[in-house]
Amino acid sequence: MTRCLPVRSWRALLLAAAAIPAAAQAQAQPQGPVVTGVARVDHLLAQMSDAEKLDLIRGGIEDPKISPAQAGYLPGVPRLGIPSLRLADGPPGVLTREASAGETATMGLAATFSTTDARANGEVIGREAKAAGIDIVLQPFINIDRDITFGRGYNTYGEDPVLTGSIGAALIAGVQSQGIMAQAKHYVGYDTQGNNVEIGEQALHEVYVAPFVDAVKADVSSIMCSYNKLNGVSACGSRSSLTDILRGDLGFKGFVTSDWGAVHGPQFLLAGLDMEMPGADNPASPFSAFMFNFYSLKPAPTSIAAKLDPR
C-alpha cells in the first residue's frame, strides 16, 4: 500500500478536518483557503466533503474480507490519494489474526537495561507490522508500574520513569526505522485501576509525563490518551495535559488518538484530541454497547443520546 503523506501532514489534516468544516465550501478554488499553512494540506482540505473529513478524525469499519482483524482502522480519502491506516494493538508484538513473532515481554526487555536490545526489538515489531499490512503499532506502553493491583502492570517497563523512557524511546526508533508509525500510550496517569487519578504537578512531570518526554524526543508519530480522569478531567479531554503540557511544554508535533471508548463528548477535539477510536458504530463488536461515536453527520437518536456518558 502506497503511503502519500508524512506524519506532520496527517496531523495537520486531522486537526483541520475537525476544526474547519467550512473548508469544504472552497472546492471551486484551485488552491483553497489557508487553513493549516501547509499548502498541500490546505489544497486537499478544500476538496473534501464533510463525510471525508470525518473519515480522518474517527475510526471506520474495514471490509472483513480483507482486514487482518487489527484493533483500529481509519478509512482515509482514496480519491485524493490519502491512504487508509490500520492500527494494531500490542505490546508485545503485533496483535492481529495473522500469525506473528512472539516478542519479548516488556518487563523482560526492560530487565536487559539495553537500549540496543530495545531498538532491535522495535525493528522486529516494525517488520512484523509491515508484513501484516499494519501502519501504526499501539506501543510502547510507557506507564509506570507503581500499583501492584494494576491489571496491566505486566505491559509496562516497570516503576522507573528513566528506564521506561529510555527503553520506550529506543523501541520507537526501531519501529519507525521500518517505515511504521509507533503510538506511545497511555497519556497520562493510566497506572492504576482507579478511574479518577489525583497527581500533583511535580510528580506528574517528574514521574508520569517523563517517559513521554523521551518518546517525543524520539519523534514518536502519535500518542494515545488514556481512559482515566486526571485530577477530575478525562485524560482525552484535558486541555491542560494535551495542549498545555504535551504540545506546549513537550513540543509534540504528532497526532493524539483516543483509547478505545475513551471519548465522552464532541468537545474533546477542542482540548487536543485528534482521532476518535474505534469510531463508527460496528454492531458486530462486543463493545458496541458502551463505545459511542461522537463524530457523525447524523443526529444522535434520542435513545442513544440519553445514554451518553456524562464524563
Protein backbone atom coordinates (compact mmCIF):
# COMPACT_ATOMS: atom_id res chain seq x y z
CA MET A 1 0.00 0.00 0.00
CA THR A 2 1.49 3.35 -1.03
CA ARG A 3 1.87 5.96 1.70
CA CYS A 4 1.46 9.51 0.39
CA LEU A 5 1.57 11.81 3.40
CA PRO A 6 4.20 12.29 6.13
CA VAL A 7 3.20 12.26 9.78
CA ARG A 8 3.10 16.04 10.13
CA SER A 9 0.74 16.31 7.17
CA TRP A 10 -1.52 13.71 8.78
CA ARG A 11 -1.57 15.79 11.96
CA ALA A 12 -2.46 18.94 10.01
CA LEU A 13 -5.22 17.10 8.14
CA LEU A 14 -6.65 15.64 11.33
CA LEU A 15 -6.75 19.00 13.09
CA ALA A 16 -8.09 20.95 10.16
CA ALA A 17 -10.72 18.35 9.29
CA ALA A 18 -12.00 18.58 12.84
CA ALA A 19 -11.91 22.32 13.26
CA ILE A 20 -12.65 23.80 9.82
CA PRO A 21 -15.86 22.35 8.34
CA ALA A 22 -16.23 25.41 6.09
CA ALA A 23 -13.16 24.41 4.10
CA ALA A 24 -15.27 22.04 2.01
CA GLN A 25 -17.07 25.07 0.59
CA ALA A 26 -13.90 26.12 -1.22
CA GLN A 27 -13.85 23.27 -3.71
CA ALA A 28 -14.01 25.67 -6.66
CA GLN A 29 -10.76 27.37 -5.63
CA PRO A 30 -7.69 25.63 -7.08
CA GLN A 31 -5.52 26.27 -4.05
CA GLY A 32 -8.17 26.57 -1.35
CA PRO A 33 -8.19 28.81 1.74
CA VAL A 34 -5.24 28.98 4.09
CA VAL A 35 -6.24 26.74 6.98
CA THR A 36 -3.10 24.99 8.20
CA GLY A 37 -0.41 26.98 6.43
CA VAL A 38 0.76 23.81 4.67
CA ALA A 39 -0.13 24.36 1.00
CA ARG A 40 -0.55 20.69 0.10
CA VAL A 41 -2.79 20.02 3.10
CA ASP A 42 -4.91 23.12 2.52
CA HIS A 43 -5.39 22.14 -1.12
CA LEU A 44 -6.59 18.68 -0.07
CA LEU A 45 -8.94 20.09 2.57
CA ALA A 46 -10.58 22.37 0.04
CA GLN A 47 -11.58 19.32 -2.00
CA MET A 48 -13.04 17.26 0.85
CA SER A 49 -16.66 16.73 1.77
CA ASP A 50 -17.72 16.77 5.42
CA ALA A 51 -18.03 12.97 5.32
CA GLU A 52 -14.46 12.65 4.06
CA LYS A 53 -13.19 14.90 6.84
CA LEU A 54 -14.91 12.68 9.37
CA ASP A 55 -13.03 9.74 7.90
CA LEU A 56 -9.80 11.42 9.07
CA ILE A 57 -10.83 12.02 12.68
CA ARG A 58 -12.72 8.86 13.64
CA GLY A 59 -12.22 5.17 13.12
CA GLY A 60 -14.15 3.26 10.48
CA ILE A 61 -15.07 -0.33 9.66
CA GLU A 62 -12.86 -2.18 7.21
CA ASP A 63 -14.20 -4.88 4.93
CA PRO A 64 -13.73 -8.10 6.97
CA LYS A 65 -12.76 -9.94 3.78
CA ILE A 66 -9.50 -8.01 3.59
CA SER A 67 -8.98 -6.89 7.19
CA PRO A 68 -6.35 -8.70 9.30
CA ALA A 69 -8.65 -8.01 12.29
CA GLN A 70 -6.48 -5.25 13.70
CA ALA A 71 -7.63 -3.00 16.57
CA GLY A 72 -8.46 0.10 14.54
CA TYR A 73 -8.97 1.41 11.03
CA LEU A 74 -9.01 4.91 9.55
CA PRO A 75 -10.65 4.97 6.09
CA GLY A 76 -8.67 7.85 4.59
CA VAL A 77 -9.77 9.55 1.36
CA PRO A 78 -8.67 7.29 -1.52
CA ARG A 79 -9.84 9.62 -4.32
CA LEU A 80 -7.40 12.29 -3.08
CA GLY A 81 -4.53 9.88 -2.52
CA ILE A 82 -4.91 9.94 1.28
CA PRO A 83 -4.40 6.33 2.34
CA SER A 84 -6.24 4.32 4.94
CA LEU A 85 -4.45 3.44 8.17
CA ARG A 86 -4.52 0.20 10.12
CA LEU A 87 -3.72 0.28 13.84
CA ALA A 88 -2.64 -2.94 15.57
CA ASP A 89 -2.60 -3.48 19.31
CA GLY A 90 0.31 -4.53 21.47
CA PRO A 91 2.57 -4.96 23.38
CA PRO A 92 4.30 -7.26 22.93
CA GLY A 93 4.41 -7.88 19.23
CA VAL A 94 1.75 -7.13 16.63
CA LEU A 95 -1.73 -8.38 17.51
CA THR A 96 -3.91 -9.35 14.54
CA ARG A 97 -5.48 -12.62 13.41
CA GLU A 98 -2.34 -13.28 11.38
CA ALA A 99 0.48 -15.28 12.93
CA SER A 100 3.45 -13.17 14.01
CA ALA A 101 6.53 -13.42 16.16
CA GLY A 102 6.06 -13.61 19.93
CA GLU A 103 8.19 -10.71 21.13
CA THR A 104 9.99 -10.47 24.44
CA ALA A 105 7.69 -9.42 27.27
CA THR A 106 8.02 -5.74 28.15
CA MET A 107 9.32 -6.44 31.66
CA GLY A 108 11.88 -8.82 30.19
CA LEU A 109 13.04 -6.20 27.72
CA ALA A 110 13.36 -3.59 30.46
CA ALA A 111 15.35 -6.06 32.56
CA THR A 112 18.13 -6.01 29.95
CA PHE A 113 18.71 -2.27 30.61
CA SER A 114 19.79 -2.23 26.97
CA THR A 115 18.59 0.40 24.54
CA THR A 116 20.35 -1.58 21.80
CA ASP A 117 18.14 -4.58 22.51
CA ALA A 118 15.09 -2.32 22.77
CA ARG A 119 15.76 -0.82 19.35
CA ALA A 120 16.31 -4.26 17.84
CA ASN A 121 13.02 -5.38 19.39
CA GLY A 122 11.33 -2.37 17.80
CA GLU A 123 12.82 -3.22 14.41
CA VAL A 124 11.32 -6.70 14.58
CA ILE A 125 7.93 -5.25 15.57
CA GLY A 126 8.14 -2.84 12.64
CA ARG A 127 8.95 -5.60 10.17
CA GLU A 128 6.14 -7.80 11.53
CA ALA A 129 3.70 -4.89 11.21
CA LYS A 130 4.75 -4.19 7.64
CA ALA A 131 4.33 -7.85 6.70
CA ALA A 132 0.81 -7.84 8.16
CA GLY A 133 -0.21 -4.64 6.35
CA ILE A 134 -0.26 -2.57 9.55
CA ASP A 135 0.60 1.15 9.57
CA ILE A 136 0.58 2.04 13.28
CA VAL A 137 1.54 -0.17 16.22
CA LEU A 138 -0.07 0.78 19.54
CA GLN A 139 3.11 0.68 21.60
CA PRO A 140 5.28 1.30 23.56
CA PHE A 141 3.29 1.09 26.79
CA ILE A 142 5.14 3.66 28.89
CA ASN A 143 3.03 3.97 32.01
CA ILE A 144 4.55 3.43 35.43
CA ASP A 145 4.06 0.21 37.41
CA ARG A 146 3.57 1.67 40.88
CA ASP A 147 0.34 -0.08 41.90
CA ILE A 148 0.52 -3.84 42.46
CA THR A 149 -3.23 -4.08 41.81
CA PHE A 150 -2.92 -2.55 38.33
CA GLY A 151 -4.23 -5.20 35.94
CA ARG A 152 -1.97 -4.13 33.08
CA GLY A 153 1.19 -3.60 35.06
CA TYR A 154 2.79 -6.53 33.21
CA ASN A 155 2.64 -4.47 29.99
CA THR A 156 4.86 -1.71 31.42
CA TYR A 157 8.63 -1.44 31.67
CA GLY A 158 8.49 -1.20 35.46
CA GLU A 159 8.37 1.56 38.05
CA ASP A 160 11.37 3.65 37.00
CA PRO A 161 10.46 6.59 34.70
CA VAL A 162 14.06 6.95 33.48
CA LEU A 163 14.33 3.29 32.44
CA THR A 164 10.81 3.34 31.00
CA GLY A 165 11.58 6.41 28.94
CA SER A 166 14.90 5.16 27.57
CA ILE A 167 13.61 1.70 26.65
CA GLY A 168 10.42 3.15 25.14
CA ALA A 169 12.32 5.72 23.07
CA ALA A 170 14.69 3.08 21.69
CA LEU A 171 11.77 0.82 20.76
CA ILE A 172 10.10 3.75 18.97
CA ALA A 173 13.27 4.39 16.97
CA GLY A 174 13.40 0.74 15.96
CA VAL A 175 9.76 0.56 14.91
CA GLN A 176 9.84 3.78 12.91
CA SER A 177 13.10 2.86 11.19
CA GLN A 178 10.98 0.29 9.34
CA GLY A 179 8.55 2.89 7.98
CA ILE A 180 5.87 2.03 10.58
CA MET A 181 4.41 4.57 12.99
CA ALA A 182 4.63 3.95 16.74
CA GLN A 183 1.95 5.17 19.14
CA ALA A 184 3.13 5.70 22.73
CA LYS A 185 0.47 5.05 25.38
CA HIS A 186 -1.37 5.83 27.63
CA TYR A 187 -1.18 9.56 28.26
CA VAL A 188 -1.40 10.11 31.17
CA GLY A 189 -1.80 8.64 34.67
CA TYR A 190 -3.03 5.24 33.47
CA ASP A 191 -1.02 3.45 36.14
CA THR A 192 -3.77 2.10 38.36
CA GLN A 193 -7.25 0.56 38.30
CA GLY A 194 -8.64 3.85 39.62
CA ASN A 195 -10.95 5.91 37.42
CA ASN A 196 -10.01 9.36 38.75
CA VAL A 197 -6.29 9.67 39.36
CA GLU A 198 -5.07 12.56 41.51
CA ILE A 199 -1.46 13.52 40.74
CA GLY A 200 0.34 16.63 41.95
CA GLU A 201 2.11 18.85 39.43
CA GLN A 202 5.66 17.91 40.41
CA ALA A 203 5.02 14.15 40.47
CA LEU A 204 3.09 14.41 37.20
CA HIS A 205 6.03 15.98 35.38
CA GLU A 206 8.89 14.10 37.07
CA VAL A 207 7.36 10.61 37.09
CA TYR A 208 4.33 10.12 34.86
CA VAL A 209 4.96 12.52 31.98
CA ALA A 210 8.71 11.89 31.97
CA PRO A 211 8.63 8.79 29.69
CA PHE A 212 6.52 10.73 27.20
CA VAL A 213 9.22 13.41 27.10
CA ASP A 214 11.61 10.73 25.85
CA ALA A 215 9.00 9.48 23.38
CA VAL A 216 8.57 12.97 21.93
CA LYS A 217 12.35 13.40 21.67
CA ALA A 218 12.39 10.10 19.75
CA ASP A 219 9.97 11.74 17.28
CA VAL A 220 7.12 9.35 18.03
CA SER A 221 4.42 9.76 15.39
CA SER A 222 1.43 9.60 17.71
CA ILE A 223 0.30 9.30 21.30
CA MET A 224 -2.75 7.56 22.75
CA CYS A 225 -4.64 9.36 25.52
CA SER A 226 -5.95 7.22 28.36
CA TYR A 227 -9.25 6.07 29.85
CA ASN A 228 -8.83 7.60 33.27
CA LYS A 229 -9.61 11.03 34.57
CA LEU A 230 -6.62 13.10 35.61
CA ASN A 231 -7.38 15.34 38.58
CA GLY A 232 -11.09 15.20 37.77
CA VAL A 233 -10.87 15.71 33.97
CA SER A 234 -10.96 12.92 31.36
CA ALA A 235 -7.43 12.47 30.03
CA CYS A 236 -8.65 12.53 26.41
CA GLY A 237 -10.48 15.79 27.05
CA SER A 238 -7.90 17.61 29.17
CA ARG A 239 -6.64 20.81 27.59
CA SER A 240 -4.10 21.13 30.40
CA SER A 241 -2.39 17.82 29.65
CA LEU A 242 -2.92 17.54 25.89
CA THR A 243 -2.44 21.13 24.77
CA ASP A 244 -0.54 22.93 27.52
CA ILE A 245 1.83 20.13 28.56
CA LEU A 246 2.07 17.70 25.62
CA ARG A 247 2.11 20.21 22.77
CA GLY A 248 3.23 23.28 24.67
CA ASP A 249 5.88 22.10 27.15
CA LEU A 250 6.97 18.93 25.34
CA GLY A 251 6.68 20.27 21.78
CA PHE A 252 4.82 17.23 20.45
CA LYS A 253 4.08 17.55 16.71
CA GLY A 254 2.26 14.29 16.02
CA PHE A 255 -1.39 13.32 16.48
CA VAL A 256 -3.34 12.14 19.52
CA THR A 257 -5.64 9.12 19.30
CA SER A 258 -8.14 8.19 21.98
CA ASP A 259 -8.01 4.85 23.69
CA TRP A 260 -10.91 2.71 22.51
CA GLY A 261 -14.06 4.25 24.00
CA ALA A 262 -12.24 6.97 25.96
CA VAL A 263 -14.07 9.87 24.26
CA HIS A 264 -17.01 11.17 26.30
CA GLY A 265 -18.10 14.20 24.30
CA PRO A 266 -17.54 16.04 20.99
CA GLN A 267 -15.78 18.88 22.78
CA PHE A 268 -12.74 16.64 23.35
CA LEU A 269 -11.45 17.68 19.91
CA LEU A 270 -11.13 21.25 21.16
CA ALA A 271 -8.95 20.11 24.07
CA GLY A 272 -6.26 18.49 21.92
CA LEU A 273 -7.64 15.15 20.74
CA ASP A 274 -7.22 14.42 17.00
CA MET A 275 -8.73 10.99 16.38
CA GLU A 276 -11.58 9.04 17.98
CA MET A 277 -11.29 5.26 18.21
CA PRO A 278 -12.92 2.92 17.46
CA GLY A 279 -15.23 5.47 15.83
CA ALA A 280 -18.05 4.36 13.52
CA ASP A 281 -20.57 2.04 15.15
CA ASN A 282 -20.00 -1.63 14.46
CA PRO A 283 -22.98 -3.74 15.58
CA ALA A 284 -20.81 -6.85 15.37
CA SER A 285 -18.43 -5.55 18.02
CA PRO A 286 -18.84 -6.94 21.56
CA PHE A 287 -18.01 -3.45 22.81
CA SER A 288 -20.71 -1.59 20.86
CA ALA A 289 -22.94 -1.21 23.93
CA PHE A 290 -20.56 1.17 25.67
CA MET A 291 -18.42 2.72 22.92
CA PHE A 292 -20.06 5.77 21.39
CA ASN A 293 -19.34 7.56 18.14
CA PHE A 294 -19.38 11.29 18.88
CA TYR A 295 -18.34 12.46 15.42
CA SER A 296 -21.08 11.80 12.89
CA LEU A 297 -23.15 13.73 10.35
CA LYS A 298 -26.29 12.01 11.64
CA PRO A 299 -28.18 13.40 14.67
CA ALA A 300 -27.95 11.04 17.63
CA PRO A 301 -31.21 9.12 18.22
CA THR A 302 -32.94 10.09 21.43
CA SER A 303 -32.44 6.60 22.84
CA ILE A 304 -28.70 6.86 22.31
CA ALA A 305 -28.35 10.50 23.36
CA ALA A 306 -29.98 9.66 26.68
CA LYS A 307 -27.23 7.13 27.40
CA LEU A 308 -24.25 9.32 26.53
CA ASP A 309 -21.55 9.13 29.14
CA PRO A 310 -21.61 12.42 31.11
CA ARG A 311 -17.88 12.29 31.79
